[in-house]
Amino acid sequence: MFTVIITLGNEYIKKTKNTALSLYSFFLQLASFYCQVSPSSSDKKLPFLFSIENQDLNNRGLLMMKEEKGERSGVSLIIREQADRFIMIKQHDHAIISGHLAQSWKSEFFEGVNLKNEVVLAINEHDRGWIEADSQPIWNCEQDQPYSFTNYPIEQKTAIYKQGIDEVERMSKYASLLCSLHYVSFLQNDTHLSAKQFVAVERNRLQNLFKVLGIKGNRELENLFMYHLKILKFCDNLSLYVCLNEPGVKKANEHSFFRYGFPETFSFANNQPIQAYWTGRENVSLSVSPFSQVIQVNLPYKEVKKEDIMLNGIMKAYLDTSENIKTITFSSL
């Protein structure tokens, strides 16, 4: 066992965008290759520890990333396993579908419609932090499959969450509020140090922007904001529904996230969970539809064969696999 440490000065980091993440990615690819060629499960632990450190000790905690005890980080692609292949979907592609759904929300159901463009922007861009990461899939040795958004290591996940929220804030403060609280809601009860630090930073962002935008202390605007957050979450979940489920699957065999409907409830649906059903391999019907029309979306995905991964490694297999497009239609029952 040995340790690889790369120390980067502040000025170099400022001048070279994503330098640390790029170097880290190189070692992750090395780690991924190592565990794929490892002859047995007992060997699947890295022979090295790896970290990137900022020479400014005050900022070291923000830049340090480590591989320990055989745990490797990777991208947060949405993964669906089949017998001989993995269906792999980029997070940002899923988010774009969420944005299409939000854009078609009925005006009479869209409270604060004057803010619709900013809400749709938030929904469309909420996973933009993963754009670069999702181009570099990494193998999860412990689970013998690529890393997905459900098991991505928390240290790197929170860094990418923050990067994405920062980018959205430069587009729209209101949109960044929605993205920030969306992610805080996932991690607010997480006891991991990185999660706690992320939540603390984002709560500070939320307080500042709520004040700047005049939302703080205004009950009507606060309620409106929470309604917009609920739209984000519903569209996010409906898009995930078509990503995580096999097309045409029976309700009883759906992913457990969605088997009993979506958690977001609305007055136009009598405050009951809205149910989604595959009514064919390319059609999804909703028990109550918030949309103004039948919606057709295109979902990019790759079918990466397990045999190709065994022969060439996950990165080459992923890059060499052509992208497919699945067209899905959403309608009401």
Protein backbone atom coordinates (compact mmCIF):
# COMPACT_ATOMS: atom_id res chain seq x y z
CA MET A 1 0.00 0.00 0.00
CA PHE A 2 1.33 3.44 -0.91
CA THR A 3 -0.05 6.96 -1.00
CA VAL A 4 -0.18 9.28 -4.00
CA ILE A 5 -0.48 12.95 -3.02
CA ILE A 6 -0.61 15.83 -5.48
CA THR A 7 -0.23 19.30 -3.98
CA LEU A 8 -1.56 22.25 -5.95
CA GLY A 9 -0.97 25.92 -5.23
CA ASN A 10 -3.84 28.39 -5.05
CA GLU A 11 -2.77 30.43 -8.09
CA TYR A 12 -2.43 27.32 -10.25
CA ILE A 13 -5.86 26.13 -9.20
CA LYS A 14 -7.41 29.52 -9.98
CA LYS A 15 -5.85 29.63 -13.45
CA THR A 16 -6.58 26.02 -14.40
CA LYS A 17 -10.27 25.16 -14.26
CA ASN A 18 -11.09 21.76 -12.76
CA THR A 19 -7.38 20.83 -12.54
CA ALA A 20 -7.87 18.83 -9.36
CA LEU A 21 -10.90 16.99 -10.67
CA SER A 22 -9.13 16.16 -13.93
CA LEU A 23 -6.10 14.72 -12.14
CA TYR A 24 -8.39 12.87 -9.78
CA SER A 25 -10.27 11.42 -12.74
CA PHE A 26 -7.00 10.01 -14.12
CA PHE A 27 -6.37 8.06 -10.95
CA LEU A 28 -9.99 6.93 -10.85
CA GLN A 29 -9.54 5.44 -14.31
CA LEU A 30 -6.43 3.66 -13.02
CA ALA A 31 -8.44 2.38 -10.07
CA SER A 32 -11.26 1.29 -12.35
CA PHE A 33 -8.85 -0.63 -14.61
CA TYR A 34 -7.18 -2.23 -11.60
CA CYS A 35 -10.36 -3.68 -10.15
CA GLN A 36 -11.66 -4.88 -13.54
CA VAL A 37 -8.50 -6.88 -14.27
CA SER A 38 -8.24 -8.14 -10.67
CA PRO A 39 -8.57 -11.93 -10.90
CA SER A 40 -10.78 -12.46 -7.88
CA SER A 41 -13.11 -10.55 -5.56
CA SER A 42 -10.65 -10.94 -2.71
CA ASP A 43 -8.14 -8.85 -4.69
CA LYS A 44 -10.53 -5.98 -5.34
CA LYS A 45 -8.90 -3.40 -3.12
CA LEU A 46 -6.72 -0.61 -4.37
CA PRO A 47 -3.01 -0.91 -3.64
CA PHE A 48 -2.82 2.83 -3.04
CA LEU A 49 -4.40 5.77 -1.28
CA PHE A 50 -4.88 8.90 -3.33
CA SER A 51 -5.51 12.52 -2.43
CA ILE A 52 -5.29 15.95 -4.02
CA GLU A 53 -4.46 18.72 -1.61
CA ASN A 54 -4.37 22.48 -1.77
CA GLN A 55 -1.18 23.83 -0.22
CA ASP A 56 -3.27 26.45 1.59
CA LEU A 57 -4.16 24.53 4.77
CA ASN A 58 -7.22 26.72 5.36
CA ASN A 59 -8.77 25.44 2.13
CA ARG A 60 -7.47 21.90 2.19
CA GLY A 61 -10.78 20.42 3.30
CA LEU A 62 -12.48 21.78 0.19
CA LEU A 63 -10.07 20.16 -2.25
CA MET A 64 -8.99 16.93 -0.62
CA MET A 65 -10.37 13.73 -2.14
CA LYS A 66 -9.30 10.27 -1.06
CA GLU A 67 -9.61 6.62 -2.05
CA GLU A 68 -9.53 4.39 1.00
CA LYS A 69 -10.32 0.78 1.81
CA GLY A 70 -11.09 -0.04 -1.80
CA GLU A 71 -13.81 2.61 -2.13
CA ARG A 72 -13.75 4.43 -5.44
CA SER A 73 -15.76 7.33 -6.67
CA GLY A 74 -17.32 7.57 -10.12
CA VAL A 75 -19.91 9.28 -12.20
CA SER A 76 -23.57 9.37 -11.32
CA LEU A 77 -24.98 7.96 -14.52
CA ILE A 78 -28.44 6.48 -14.17
CA ILE A 79 -27.87 2.73 -14.49
CA ARG A 80 -30.37 -0.02 -15.28
CA GLU A 81 -28.92 -3.53 -15.36
CA GLN A 82 -30.05 -6.19 -17.81
CA ALA A 83 -28.82 -9.75 -18.22
CA ASP A 84 -25.97 -8.99 -20.62
CA ARG A 85 -25.69 -5.20 -20.58
CA PHE A 86 -26.13 -1.96 -18.67
CA ILE A 87 -28.51 0.77 -19.80
CA MET A 88 -26.64 4.01 -19.06
CA ILE A 89 -28.30 7.44 -19.04
CA LYS A 90 -26.62 10.77 -18.34
CA GLN A 91 -28.04 12.79 -15.48
CA HIS A 92 -28.25 15.99 -17.53
CA ASP A 93 -30.17 14.19 -20.30
CA HIS A 94 -32.68 13.06 -17.68
CA ALA A 95 -32.89 16.64 -16.36
CA ILE A 96 -33.63 18.01 -19.83
CA ILE A 97 -36.64 15.70 -20.01
CA SER A 98 -37.72 17.07 -16.63
CA GLY A 99 -37.53 20.55 -18.13
CA HIS A 100 -39.69 19.57 -21.10
CA LEU A 101 -42.31 18.25 -18.70
CA ALA A 102 -42.25 21.46 -16.66
CA GLN A 103 -42.59 23.60 -19.78
CA SER A 104 -45.86 21.78 -20.61
CA TRP A 105 -47.38 22.30 -17.15
CA LYS A 106 -50.92 23.68 -17.48
CA SER A 107 -51.06 27.41 -16.86
CA GLU A 108 -54.07 27.07 -14.55
CA PHE A 109 -52.05 24.67 -12.39
CA PHE A 110 -48.88 26.80 -12.44
CA GLU A 111 -49.09 29.22 -9.53
CA GLY A 112 -46.86 32.26 -10.04
CA VAL A 113 -46.80 31.74 -13.79
CA ASN A 114 -44.76 34.94 -14.18
CA LEU A 115 -41.84 32.97 -12.74
CA LYS A 116 -42.34 29.96 -15.01
CA ASN A 117 -39.25 30.60 -17.14
CA GLU A 118 -37.02 30.61 -14.09
CA VAL A 119 -38.69 27.51 -12.66
CA VAL A 120 -38.27 25.66 -15.96
CA LEU A 121 -34.64 26.79 -16.08
CA ALA A 122 -34.04 25.34 -12.61
CA ILE A 123 -35.64 22.04 -13.57
CA ASN A 124 -33.83 21.83 -16.88
CA GLU A 125 -30.44 22.60 -15.31
CA HIS A 126 -30.69 21.02 -11.86
CA ASP A 127 -28.22 18.22 -12.73
CA ARG A 128 -25.79 20.30 -14.79
CA GLY A 129 -23.02 19.67 -12.25
CA TRP A 130 -22.78 16.13 -13.62
CA ILE A 131 -22.23 17.08 -17.27
CA GLU A 132 -18.45 16.61 -17.21
CA ALA A 133 -18.47 13.74 -14.72
CA ASP A 134 -20.99 11.65 -16.64
CA SER A 135 -18.66 11.45 -19.64
CA GLN A 136 -16.26 9.29 -17.60
CA PRO A 137 -17.97 6.20 -16.14
CA ILE A 138 -16.10 4.33 -13.40
CA TRP A 139 -16.46 0.72 -12.28
CA ASN A 140 -17.77 -0.05 -8.77
CA CYS A 141 -15.71 -3.06 -7.75
CA GLU A 142 -17.80 -3.90 -4.70
CA GLN A 143 -21.05 -4.14 -6.68
CA ASP A 144 -19.56 -5.29 -10.01
CA GLN A 145 -21.29 -2.59 -12.02
CA PRO A 146 -20.72 1.06 -12.98
CA TYR A 147 -21.28 3.64 -10.26
CA SER A 148 -24.72 5.24 -10.43
CA PHE A 149 -26.39 8.25 -8.83
CA THR A 150 -27.65 6.05 -5.97
CA ASN A 151 -24.22 5.01 -4.66
CA TYR A 152 -21.93 7.86 -5.66
CA PRO A 153 -19.44 8.72 -2.85
CA ILE A 154 -20.70 11.62 -0.77
CA GLU A 155 -17.50 13.72 -0.81
CA GLN A 156 -17.46 14.03 -4.58
CA LYS A 157 -21.25 14.16 -4.88
CA THR A 158 -21.52 17.26 -2.69
CA ALA A 159 -18.69 18.99 -4.57
CA ILE A 160 -20.50 18.43 -7.87
CA TYR A 161 -23.85 19.47 -6.38
CA LYS A 162 -22.29 22.76 -5.34
CA GLN A 163 -20.60 23.30 -8.68
CA GLY A 164 -23.92 22.85 -10.47
CA ILE A 165 -25.80 25.19 -8.12
CA ASP A 166 -23.08 27.83 -8.53
CA GLU A 167 -23.45 27.64 -12.31
CA VAL A 168 -27.25 27.93 -12.12
CA GLU A 169 -26.95 30.94 -9.80
CA ARG A 170 -25.02 32.76 -12.52
CA MET A 171 -28.05 32.22 -14.77
CA SER A 172 -30.83 32.96 -12.27
CA LYS A 173 -30.85 33.50 -8.53
CA TYR A 174 -34.40 32.16 -8.21
CA ALA A 175 -33.52 29.02 -10.16
CA SER A 176 -30.47 28.43 -7.95
CA LEU A 177 -32.66 28.69 -4.85
CA LEU A 178 -34.80 25.85 -6.17
CA CYS A 179 -31.78 23.70 -7.04
CA SER A 180 -30.12 24.40 -3.70
CA LEU A 181 -33.10 23.44 -1.57
CA HIS A 182 -33.76 20.42 -3.81
CA TYR A 183 -30.34 19.00 -2.93
CA VAL A 184 -30.40 20.13 0.70
CA SER A 185 -33.60 18.12 1.14
CA PHE A 186 -31.69 14.96 0.16
CA LEU A 187 -28.84 15.49 2.60
CA GLN A 188 -30.23 17.48 5.53
CA ASN A 189 -30.38 14.39 7.77
CA ASP A 190 -27.14 12.83 6.54
CA THR A 191 -24.57 12.57 9.34
CA HIS A 192 -21.53 12.38 7.05
CA LEU A 193 -19.19 15.35 7.52
CA SER A 194 -19.25 16.26 3.82
CA ALA A 195 -23.04 16.26 3.82
CA LYS A 196 -23.15 18.47 6.91
CA GLN A 197 -20.69 20.92 5.37
CA PHE A 198 -22.66 21.02 2.13
CA VAL A 199 -25.94 21.65 3.94
CA ALA A 200 -24.36 24.42 6.03
CA VAL A 201 -22.97 26.19 2.94
CA GLU A 202 -26.25 25.88 1.05
CA ARG A 203 -28.35 27.09 3.98
CA ASN A 204 -26.21 30.18 4.03
CA ARG A 205 -26.79 30.61 0.28
CA LEU A 206 -30.54 30.14 0.80
CA GLN A 207 -30.72 32.73 3.58
CA ASN A 208 -28.82 35.29 1.53
CA LEU A 209 -30.82 34.80 -1.66
CA PHE A 210 -34.19 34.66 0.11
CA LYS A 211 -33.30 38.06 1.54
CA VAL A 212 -31.98 39.50 -1.74
CA LEU A 213 -35.07 38.35 -3.67
CA GLY A 214 -37.46 39.67 -1.02
CA ILE A 215 -38.89 36.23 -0.25
CA LYS A 216 -37.81 36.04 3.38
CA GLY A 217 -40.66 37.00 5.70
CA ASN A 218 -43.21 37.15 2.87
CA ARG A 219 -45.50 34.17 3.52
CA GLU A 220 -47.13 34.34 0.10
CA LEU A 221 -43.80 34.27 -1.74
CA GLU A 222 -42.46 31.56 0.56
CA ASN A 223 -45.46 29.35 -0.19
CA LEU A 224 -45.11 30.05 -3.90
CA PHE A 225 -41.45 29.06 -3.79
CA MET A 226 -42.31 25.77 -2.07
CA TYR A 227 -44.94 25.07 -4.73
CA HIS A 228 -42.34 25.60 -7.45
CA LEU A 229 -39.98 23.26 -5.61
CA LYS A 230 -42.74 20.64 -5.62
CA ILE A 231 -43.07 21.00 -9.40
CA LEU A 232 -39.30 20.50 -9.73
CA LYS A 233 -39.43 17.34 -7.64
CA PHE A 234 -42.43 15.92 -9.49
CA CYS A 235 -40.87 16.48 -12.93
CA ASP A 236 -37.56 15.09 -11.67
CA ASN A 237 -39.31 11.95 -10.40
CA LEU A 238 -41.41 11.46 -13.52
CA SER A 239 -38.30 11.65 -15.68
CA LEU A 240 -36.52 9.19 -13.38
CA TYR A 241 -39.55 6.92 -13.71
CA VAL A 242 -38.83 6.35 -17.40
CA CYS A 243 -35.08 6.03 -16.77
CA LEU A 244 -35.16 3.51 -13.93
CA ASN A 245 -38.01 1.28 -15.13
CA GLU A 246 -37.93 -1.18 -17.98
CA PRO A 247 -40.29 0.06 -20.72
CA GLY A 248 -43.66 -1.68 -20.49
CA VAL A 249 -43.05 -3.02 -16.97
CA LYS A 250 -46.09 -4.04 -14.90
CA LYS A 251 -46.92 -1.77 -11.96
CA ALA A 252 -46.10 -4.47 -9.41
CA ASN A 253 -42.61 -4.83 -10.86
CA GLU A 254 -41.73 -1.15 -11.06
CA HIS A 255 -38.80 0.36 -9.23
CA SER A 256 -39.73 0.73 -5.57
CA PHE A 257 -39.37 4.52 -5.80
CA PHE A 258 -42.56 4.78 -7.87
CA ARG A 259 -44.70 1.72 -7.21
CA TYR A 260 -47.13 3.62 -5.00
CA GLY A 261 -47.18 6.88 -6.91
CA PHE A 262 -45.17 10.07 -6.65
CA PRO A 263 -44.74 11.70 -3.21
CA GLU A 264 -45.60 15.20 -4.43
CA THR A 265 -49.32 15.87 -4.16
CA PHE A 266 -51.36 18.69 -5.70
CA SER A 267 -54.81 20.16 -5.15
CA PHE A 268 -55.74 19.53 -8.81
CA ALA A 269 -55.26 15.80 -8.04
CA ASN A 270 -57.26 15.99 -4.78
CA ASN A 271 -53.96 15.90 -2.88
CA GLN A 272 -53.57 12.21 -3.72
CA PRO A 273 -50.42 10.65 -5.19
CA ILE A 274 -50.35 10.75 -8.97
CA GLN A 275 -49.76 7.30 -10.45
CA ALA A 276 -47.78 6.57 -13.61
CA TYR A 277 -48.27 3.44 -15.71
CA TRP A 278 -46.44 2.03 -18.70
CA THR A 279 -49.21 1.37 -21.23
CA GLY A 280 -46.78 0.14 -23.88
CA ARG A 281 -43.04 0.20 -24.44
CA GLU A 282 -43.13 3.83 -25.56
CA ASN A 283 -46.14 5.20 -23.67
CA VAL A 284 -46.62 6.35 -20.08
CA SER A 285 -50.06 7.32 -18.76
CA LEU A 286 -50.77 9.38 -15.64
CA SER A 287 -53.77 8.94 -13.36
CA VAL A 288 -54.04 12.75 -13.33
CA SER A 289 -52.02 14.80 -15.79
CA PRO A 290 -50.80 18.33 -14.95
CA PHE A 291 -49.77 18.83 -18.58
CA SER A 292 -51.55 20.90 -21.20
CA GLN A 293 -51.04 18.35 -23.96
CA VAL A 294 -49.70 14.94 -24.83
CA ILE A 295 -45.91 15.22 -24.48
CA GLN A 296 -43.30 13.41 -26.53
CA VAL A 297 -39.70 13.36 -25.30
CA ASN A 298 -36.48 11.82 -26.58
CA LEU A 299 -34.31 9.95 -24.09
CA PRO A 300 -30.65 9.36 -25.09
CA TYR A 301 -29.09 6.21 -23.66
CA LYS A 302 -26.37 3.66 -24.24
CA GLU A 303 -26.60 -0.12 -24.04
CA VAL A 304 -23.12 -1.08 -22.86
CA LYS A 305 -22.51 -4.80 -23.13
CA LYS A 306 -20.94 -6.56 -20.16
CA GLU A 307 -18.73 -8.56 -22.52
CA ASP A 308 -17.27 -5.33 -23.93
CA ILE A 309 -16.61 -4.07 -20.40
CA MET A 310 -14.79 -7.31 -19.54
CA LEU A 311 -12.65 -7.07 -22.68
CA ASN A 312 -11.94 -3.33 -22.84
CA GLY A 313 -12.79 -1.77 -19.47
CA ILE A 314 -15.76 0.44 -18.65
CA MET A 315 -14.42 3.69 -20.13
CA LYS A 316 -13.55 2.32 -23.59
CA ALA A 317 -16.68 0.18 -23.68
CA TYR A 318 -18.82 3.20 -22.86
CA LEU A 319 -17.13 5.51 -25.37
CA ASP A 320 -17.24 2.92 -28.15
CA THR A 321 -20.94 2.21 -27.67
CA SER A 322 -23.20 4.24 -29.93
CA GLU A 323 -25.96 6.32 -28.40
CA ASN A 324 -29.60 5.36 -28.94
CA ILE A 325 -32.68 7.54 -28.67
CA LYS A 326 -35.93 6.31 -27.17
CA THR A 327 -39.08 8.33 -27.82
CA ILE A 328 -41.60 8.30 -24.96
CA THR A 329 -45.10 9.74 -24.95
CA PHE A 330 -46.79 11.01 -21.77
CA SER A 331 -50.58 11.25 -21.62
CA SER A 332 -53.47 10.90 -19.16
CA LEU A 333 -55.40 7.68 -18.61
